[in-house]
Amino acid sequence: MRLDRIDKQESVMVDVISCMSHPELNDTSLTCCTVDVSEAGMKVATAMAIPVATRLGLRLDFASHLYRLEGEVRWAKDDDRHYVGLHIDGSSADIVAWTRMFELDL
């Protein structure tokens, strides 16, 4: 498996599935933007802070293919914007199509 990160700025719809530390965020939906992507994860810029260990549902529309993925926030950083590092769940609905995309080098 290649773990190369590829710079890619695309809109991503994010749904908070489960946030134990801030349950008021559960069922929140927002539009974010990818910064970079890889087979196993992605860096995402967000308009609000999302705590580490939060489970997210992701909908990404890349090159006329819709990817439905789930992931967990592994790290969060606040600079001029909020950034989170997501680890993609290997049992996500479109994980096979997602990983194939990297075989084609985006």
N, C-alpha and C. Protein backbone atom coordinates (compact mmCIF):
# COMPACT_ATOMS: atom_id res chain seq x y z
N MET A 1 0.84 -1.18 0.00
CA MET A 1 0.00 0.00 0.00
C MET A 1 0.89 1.24 0.00
N ARG A 2 0.61 2.18 -0.91
CA ARG A 2 1.34 3.45 -0.94
C ARG A 2 0.72 4.40 0.06
N LEU A 3 1.56 5.08 0.79
CA LEU A 3 1.05 6.04 1.77
C LEU A 3 1.39 7.46 1.36
N ASP A 4 1.74 7.65 0.08
CA ASP A 4 2.05 8.99 -0.42
C ASP A 4 0.87 9.91 -0.23
N ARG A 5 1.14 11.12 0.21
CA ARG A 5 0.11 12.14 0.31
C ARG A 5 0.14 12.95 -0.98
N ILE A 6 -1.05 13.23 -1.49
CA ILE A 6 -1.18 13.99 -2.72
C ILE A 6 -1.95 15.26 -2.41
N ASP A 7 -1.35 16.41 -2.76
CA ASP A 7 -2.06 17.67 -2.57
C ASP A 7 -3.31 17.66 -3.42
N LYS A 8 -4.46 17.87 -2.79
CA LYS A 8 -5.73 17.86 -3.53
C LYS A 8 -6.73 18.68 -2.75
N GLN A 9 -7.18 19.78 -3.33
CA GLN A 9 -8.15 20.65 -2.69
C GLN A 9 -9.51 20.42 -3.33
N GLU A 10 -10.36 19.74 -2.58
CA GLU A 10 -11.72 19.41 -3.04
C GLU A 10 -12.68 19.58 -1.87
N SER A 11 -13.91 19.91 -2.19
CA SER A 11 -14.94 19.99 -1.15
C SER A 11 -15.27 18.60 -0.63
N VAL A 12 -15.53 18.53 0.66
CA VAL A 12 -15.95 17.28 1.28
C VAL A 12 -17.07 17.60 2.27
N MET A 13 -18.15 16.84 2.15
CA MET A 13 -19.25 16.98 3.10
C MET A 13 -18.94 16.10 4.30
N VAL A 14 -19.00 16.69 5.49
CA VAL A 14 -18.64 15.98 6.71
C VAL A 14 -19.86 15.93 7.63
N ASP A 15 -20.15 14.74 8.14
CA ASP A 15 -21.20 14.53 9.12
C ASP A 15 -20.55 13.98 10.38
N VAL A 16 -20.78 14.63 11.51
CA VAL A 16 -20.24 14.13 12.78
C VAL A 16 -21.11 12.97 13.23
N ILE A 17 -20.52 11.78 13.28
CA ILE A 17 -21.23 10.58 13.70
C ILE A 17 -21.21 10.47 15.22
N SER A 18 -20.02 10.66 15.80
CA SER A 18 -19.89 10.49 17.24
C SER A 18 -18.72 11.32 17.77
N CYS A 19 -19.03 12.19 18.70
CA CYS A 19 -18.00 13.00 19.36
C CYS A 19 -18.23 12.86 20.87
N MET A 20 -17.43 12.02 21.50
CA MET A 20 -17.60 11.74 22.92
C MET A 20 -17.30 12.97 23.79
N SER A 21 -16.29 13.75 23.41
CA SER A 21 -15.89 14.88 24.25
C SER A 21 -16.81 16.09 24.10
N HIS A 22 -17.52 16.19 22.97
CA HIS A 22 -18.44 17.29 22.71
C HIS A 22 -19.70 16.74 22.04
N PRO A 23 -20.56 16.04 22.80
CA PRO A 23 -21.73 15.40 22.19
C PRO A 23 -22.68 16.35 21.47
N GLU A 24 -22.59 17.64 21.76
CA GLU A 24 -23.43 18.61 21.05
C GLU A 24 -23.07 18.70 19.57
N LEU A 25 -21.89 18.18 19.19
CA LEU A 25 -21.49 18.17 17.79
C LEU A 25 -22.09 17.00 17.01
N ASN A 26 -22.61 15.98 17.72
CA ASN A 26 -23.19 14.83 17.04
C ASN A 26 -24.29 15.29 16.09
N ASP A 27 -24.33 14.70 14.91
CA ASP A 27 -25.29 15.01 13.85
C ASP A 27 -25.08 16.37 13.21
N THR A 28 -23.93 17.00 13.46
CA THR A 28 -23.59 18.25 12.78
C THR A 28 -23.07 17.93 11.39
N SER A 29 -23.49 18.71 10.40
CA SER A 29 -23.00 18.56 9.03
C SER A 29 -22.33 19.86 8.60
N LEU A 30 -21.22 19.75 7.89
CA LEU A 30 -20.55 20.94 7.40
C LEU A 30 -19.77 20.61 6.14
N THR A 31 -19.50 21.63 5.36
CA THR A 31 -18.67 21.48 4.17
C THR A 31 -17.26 21.90 4.53
N CYS A 32 -16.31 21.04 4.19
CA CYS A 32 -14.90 21.30 4.46
C CYS A 32 -14.13 21.20 3.15
N CYS A 33 -12.81 21.28 3.25
CA CYS A 33 -11.98 21.19 2.06
C CYS A 33 -10.76 20.31 2.36
N THR A 34 -10.50 19.34 1.47
CA THR A 34 -9.31 18.54 1.64
C THR A 34 -8.08 19.41 1.37
N VAL A 35 -6.99 19.11 2.05
CA VAL A 35 -5.70 19.75 1.81
C VAL A 35 -4.80 18.77 1.07
N ASP A 36 -4.77 17.54 1.59
CA ASP A 36 -4.08 16.45 0.92
C ASP A 36 -4.79 15.14 1.26
N VAL A 37 -4.56 14.13 0.42
CA VAL A 37 -5.23 12.84 0.59
C VAL A 37 -4.21 11.72 0.39
N SER A 38 -4.52 10.58 1.00
CA SER A 38 -3.74 9.36 0.77
C SER A 38 -4.70 8.18 0.85
N GLU A 39 -4.20 6.99 0.61
CA GLU A 39 -5.04 5.80 0.70
C GLU A 39 -5.64 5.64 2.08
N ALA A 40 -4.87 6.00 3.11
CA ALA A 40 -5.28 5.73 4.49
C ALA A 40 -5.88 6.92 5.21
N GLY A 41 -5.78 8.11 4.62
CA GLY A 41 -6.29 9.26 5.35
C GLY A 41 -6.26 10.54 4.54
N MET A 42 -6.52 11.63 5.24
CA MET A 42 -6.50 12.94 4.58
C MET A 42 -6.38 14.05 5.62
N LYS A 43 -5.86 15.17 5.16
CA LYS A 43 -5.84 16.40 5.96
C LYS A 43 -6.96 17.27 5.44
N VAL A 44 -7.78 17.79 6.37
CA VAL A 44 -8.96 18.56 5.99
C VAL A 44 -8.96 19.89 6.73
N ALA A 45 -9.26 20.96 6.01
CA ALA A 45 -9.44 22.29 6.60
C ALA A 45 -10.92 22.44 6.93
N THR A 46 -11.23 22.89 8.14
CA THR A 46 -12.61 23.03 8.59
C THR A 46 -12.87 24.43 9.12
N ALA A 47 -14.14 24.80 9.19
CA ALA A 47 -14.52 26.10 9.72
C ALA A 47 -14.64 26.09 11.24
N MET A 48 -14.64 24.90 11.83
CA MET A 48 -14.76 24.79 13.28
C MET A 48 -13.83 23.70 13.79
N ALA A 49 -13.49 23.78 15.05
CA ALA A 49 -12.63 22.76 15.65
C ALA A 49 -13.40 21.45 15.78
N ILE A 50 -12.74 20.36 15.42
CA ILE A 50 -13.31 19.02 15.59
C ILE A 50 -12.33 18.24 16.46
N PRO A 51 -12.76 17.76 17.62
CA PRO A 51 -11.84 17.10 18.55
C PRO A 51 -11.29 15.77 18.05
N VAL A 52 -10.11 15.43 18.55
CA VAL A 52 -9.49 14.13 18.29
C VAL A 52 -10.45 13.03 18.77
N ALA A 53 -10.46 11.92 18.07
CA ALA A 53 -11.28 10.73 18.34
C ALA A 53 -12.72 10.87 17.87
N THR A 54 -13.07 11.96 17.20
CA THR A 54 -14.42 12.13 16.65
C THR A 54 -14.56 11.25 15.41
N ARG A 55 -15.68 10.52 15.31
CA ARG A 55 -16.00 9.70 14.13
C ARG A 55 -16.78 10.55 13.14
N LEU A 56 -16.37 10.50 11.88
CA LEU A 56 -16.98 11.33 10.84
C LEU A 56 -17.43 10.50 9.65
N GLY A 57 -18.52 10.89 9.05
CA GLY A 57 -18.94 10.38 7.75
C GLY A 57 -18.50 11.39 6.71
N LEU A 58 -17.96 10.92 5.60
CA LEU A 58 -17.41 11.79 4.55
C LEU A 58 -18.06 11.46 3.21
N ARG A 59 -18.38 12.51 2.46
CA ARG A 59 -18.87 12.35 1.09
C ARG A 59 -18.01 13.24 0.19
N LEU A 60 -17.25 12.60 -0.68
CA LEU A 60 -16.35 13.32 -1.58
C LEU A 60 -16.72 13.02 -3.01
N ASP A 61 -16.79 14.04 -3.84
CA ASP A 61 -17.11 13.87 -5.26
C ASP A 61 -15.87 14.24 -6.06
N PHE A 62 -15.05 13.23 -6.37
CA PHE A 62 -13.81 13.43 -7.12
C PHE A 62 -13.98 12.85 -8.51
N ALA A 63 -13.62 13.59 -9.52
CA ALA A 63 -13.57 13.09 -10.90
C ALA A 63 -14.80 12.24 -11.25
N SER A 64 -15.95 12.78 -11.00
CA SER A 64 -17.23 12.16 -11.31
C SER A 64 -17.49 10.84 -10.58
N HIS A 65 -16.81 10.62 -9.48
CA HIS A 65 -17.09 9.45 -8.63
C HIS A 65 -17.36 9.93 -7.21
N LEU A 66 -18.43 9.47 -6.63
CA LEU A 66 -18.78 9.82 -5.26
C LEU A 66 -18.21 8.76 -4.33
N TYR A 67 -17.43 9.18 -3.36
CA TYR A 67 -16.85 8.28 -2.36
C TYR A 67 -17.57 8.51 -1.04
N ARG A 68 -18.07 7.44 -0.45
CA ARG A 68 -18.68 7.49 0.88
C ARG A 68 -17.74 6.77 1.82
N LEU A 69 -17.15 7.53 2.72
CA LEU A 69 -16.14 6.99 3.63
C LEU A 69 -16.49 7.36 5.06
N GLU A 70 -15.89 6.65 5.99
CA GLU A 70 -15.95 7.03 7.40
C GLU A 70 -14.52 7.12 7.89
N GLY A 71 -14.33 7.97 8.88
CA GLY A 71 -12.99 8.12 9.42
C GLY A 71 -13.01 8.64 10.83
N GLU A 72 -11.82 8.69 11.41
CA GLU A 72 -11.66 9.18 12.78
C GLU A 72 -10.60 10.27 12.79
N VAL A 73 -10.87 11.32 13.54
CA VAL A 73 -9.91 12.41 13.70
C VAL A 73 -8.76 11.89 14.55
N ARG A 74 -7.55 11.90 14.01
CA ARG A 74 -6.37 11.44 14.73
C ARG A 74 -5.57 12.59 15.33
N TRP A 75 -5.65 13.77 14.68
CA TRP A 75 -4.98 14.95 15.22
C TRP A 75 -5.76 16.18 14.78
N ALA A 76 -5.60 17.25 15.54
CA ALA A 76 -6.26 18.53 15.22
C ALA A 76 -5.26 19.65 15.48
N LYS A 77 -5.29 20.67 14.63
CA LYS A 77 -4.37 21.79 14.74
C LYS A 77 -5.12 23.06 14.39
N ASP A 78 -4.90 24.10 15.15
CA ASP A 78 -5.51 25.40 14.87
C ASP A 78 -4.43 26.41 14.55
N ASP A 79 -4.43 26.88 13.33
CA ASP A 79 -3.56 27.99 12.92
C ASP A 79 -4.49 29.14 12.58
N ASP A 80 -4.40 29.63 11.36
CA ASP A 80 -5.36 30.64 10.91
C ASP A 80 -6.70 29.97 10.60
N ARG A 81 -6.68 28.66 10.40
CA ARG A 81 -7.88 27.84 10.18
C ARG A 81 -7.76 26.61 11.07
N HIS A 82 -8.82 25.83 11.09
CA HIS A 82 -8.79 24.56 11.82
C HIS A 82 -8.42 23.46 10.83
N TYR A 83 -7.54 22.56 11.24
CA TYR A 83 -7.14 21.43 10.42
C TYR A 83 -7.30 20.15 11.23
N VAL A 84 -7.71 19.09 10.56
CA VAL A 84 -7.77 17.78 11.20
C VAL A 84 -7.13 16.75 10.29
N GLY A 85 -6.52 15.76 10.92
CA GLY A 85 -5.98 14.61 10.20
C GLY A 85 -6.92 13.44 10.41
N LEU A 86 -7.41 12.87 9.33
CA LEU A 86 -8.38 11.78 9.41
C LEU A 86 -7.75 10.47 8.98
N HIS A 87 -8.05 9.42 9.72
CA HIS A 87 -7.71 8.06 9.33
C HIS A 87 -8.98 7.44 8.77
N ILE A 88 -8.92 6.94 7.54
CA ILE A 88 -10.09 6.36 6.89
C ILE A 88 -10.30 4.93 7.38
N ASP A 89 -11.54 4.64 7.73
CA ASP A 89 -11.92 3.31 8.20
C ASP A 89 -11.90 2.33 7.03
N GLY A 90 -11.20 1.22 7.21
CA GLY A 90 -11.07 0.21 6.16
C GLY A 90 -12.37 -0.50 5.81
N SER A 91 -13.41 -0.31 6.62
CA SER A 91 -14.70 -0.94 6.31
C SER A 91 -15.69 0.07 5.70
N SER A 92 -15.20 1.23 5.27
CA SER A 92 -16.05 2.24 4.64
C SER A 92 -16.70 1.69 3.38
N ALA A 93 -17.87 2.20 3.07
CA ALA A 93 -18.65 1.71 1.91
C ALA A 93 -17.86 1.73 0.61
N ASP A 94 -17.08 2.77 0.37
CA ASP A 94 -16.37 2.92 -0.91
C ASP A 94 -14.86 2.80 -0.77
N ILE A 95 -14.40 2.05 0.23
CA ILE A 95 -12.95 1.95 0.46
C ILE A 95 -12.21 1.31 -0.71
N VAL A 96 -12.81 0.33 -1.37
CA VAL A 96 -12.13 -0.33 -2.49
C VAL A 96 -11.95 0.66 -3.64
N ALA A 97 -12.98 1.39 -3.99
CA ALA A 97 -12.88 2.39 -5.05
C ALA A 97 -11.90 3.49 -4.65
N TRP A 98 -11.90 3.89 -3.40
CA TRP A 98 -10.99 4.93 -2.90
C TRP A 98 -9.54 4.49 -3.08
N THR A 99 -9.20 3.28 -2.65
CA THR A 99 -7.81 2.84 -2.75
C THR A 99 -7.39 2.61 -4.20
N ARG A 100 -8.32 2.20 -5.05
CA ARG A 100 -8.01 2.05 -6.48
C ARG A 100 -7.62 3.39 -7.11
N MET A 101 -8.23 4.44 -6.63
CA MET A 101 -7.91 5.76 -7.17
C MET A 101 -6.41 6.05 -7.06
N PHE A 102 -5.76 5.58 -6.02
CA PHE A 102 -4.34 5.85 -5.82
C PHE A 102 -3.45 5.00 -6.71
N GLU A 103 -3.97 3.88 -7.17
CA GLU A 103 -3.24 3.07 -8.15
C GLU A 103 -3.12 3.81 -9.47
N LEU A 104 -4.07 4.73 -9.72
CA LEU A 104 -4.07 5.50 -10.96
C LEU A 104 -3.32 6.82 -10.81
N ASP A 105 -2.73 7.04 -9.61
CA ASP A 105 -1.96 8.26 -9.32
C ASP A 105 -2.76 9.54 -9.50
N LEU A 106 -4.06 9.48 -9.16
CA LEU A 106 -4.94 10.66 -9.24
C LEU A 106 -4.67 11.41 -10.52
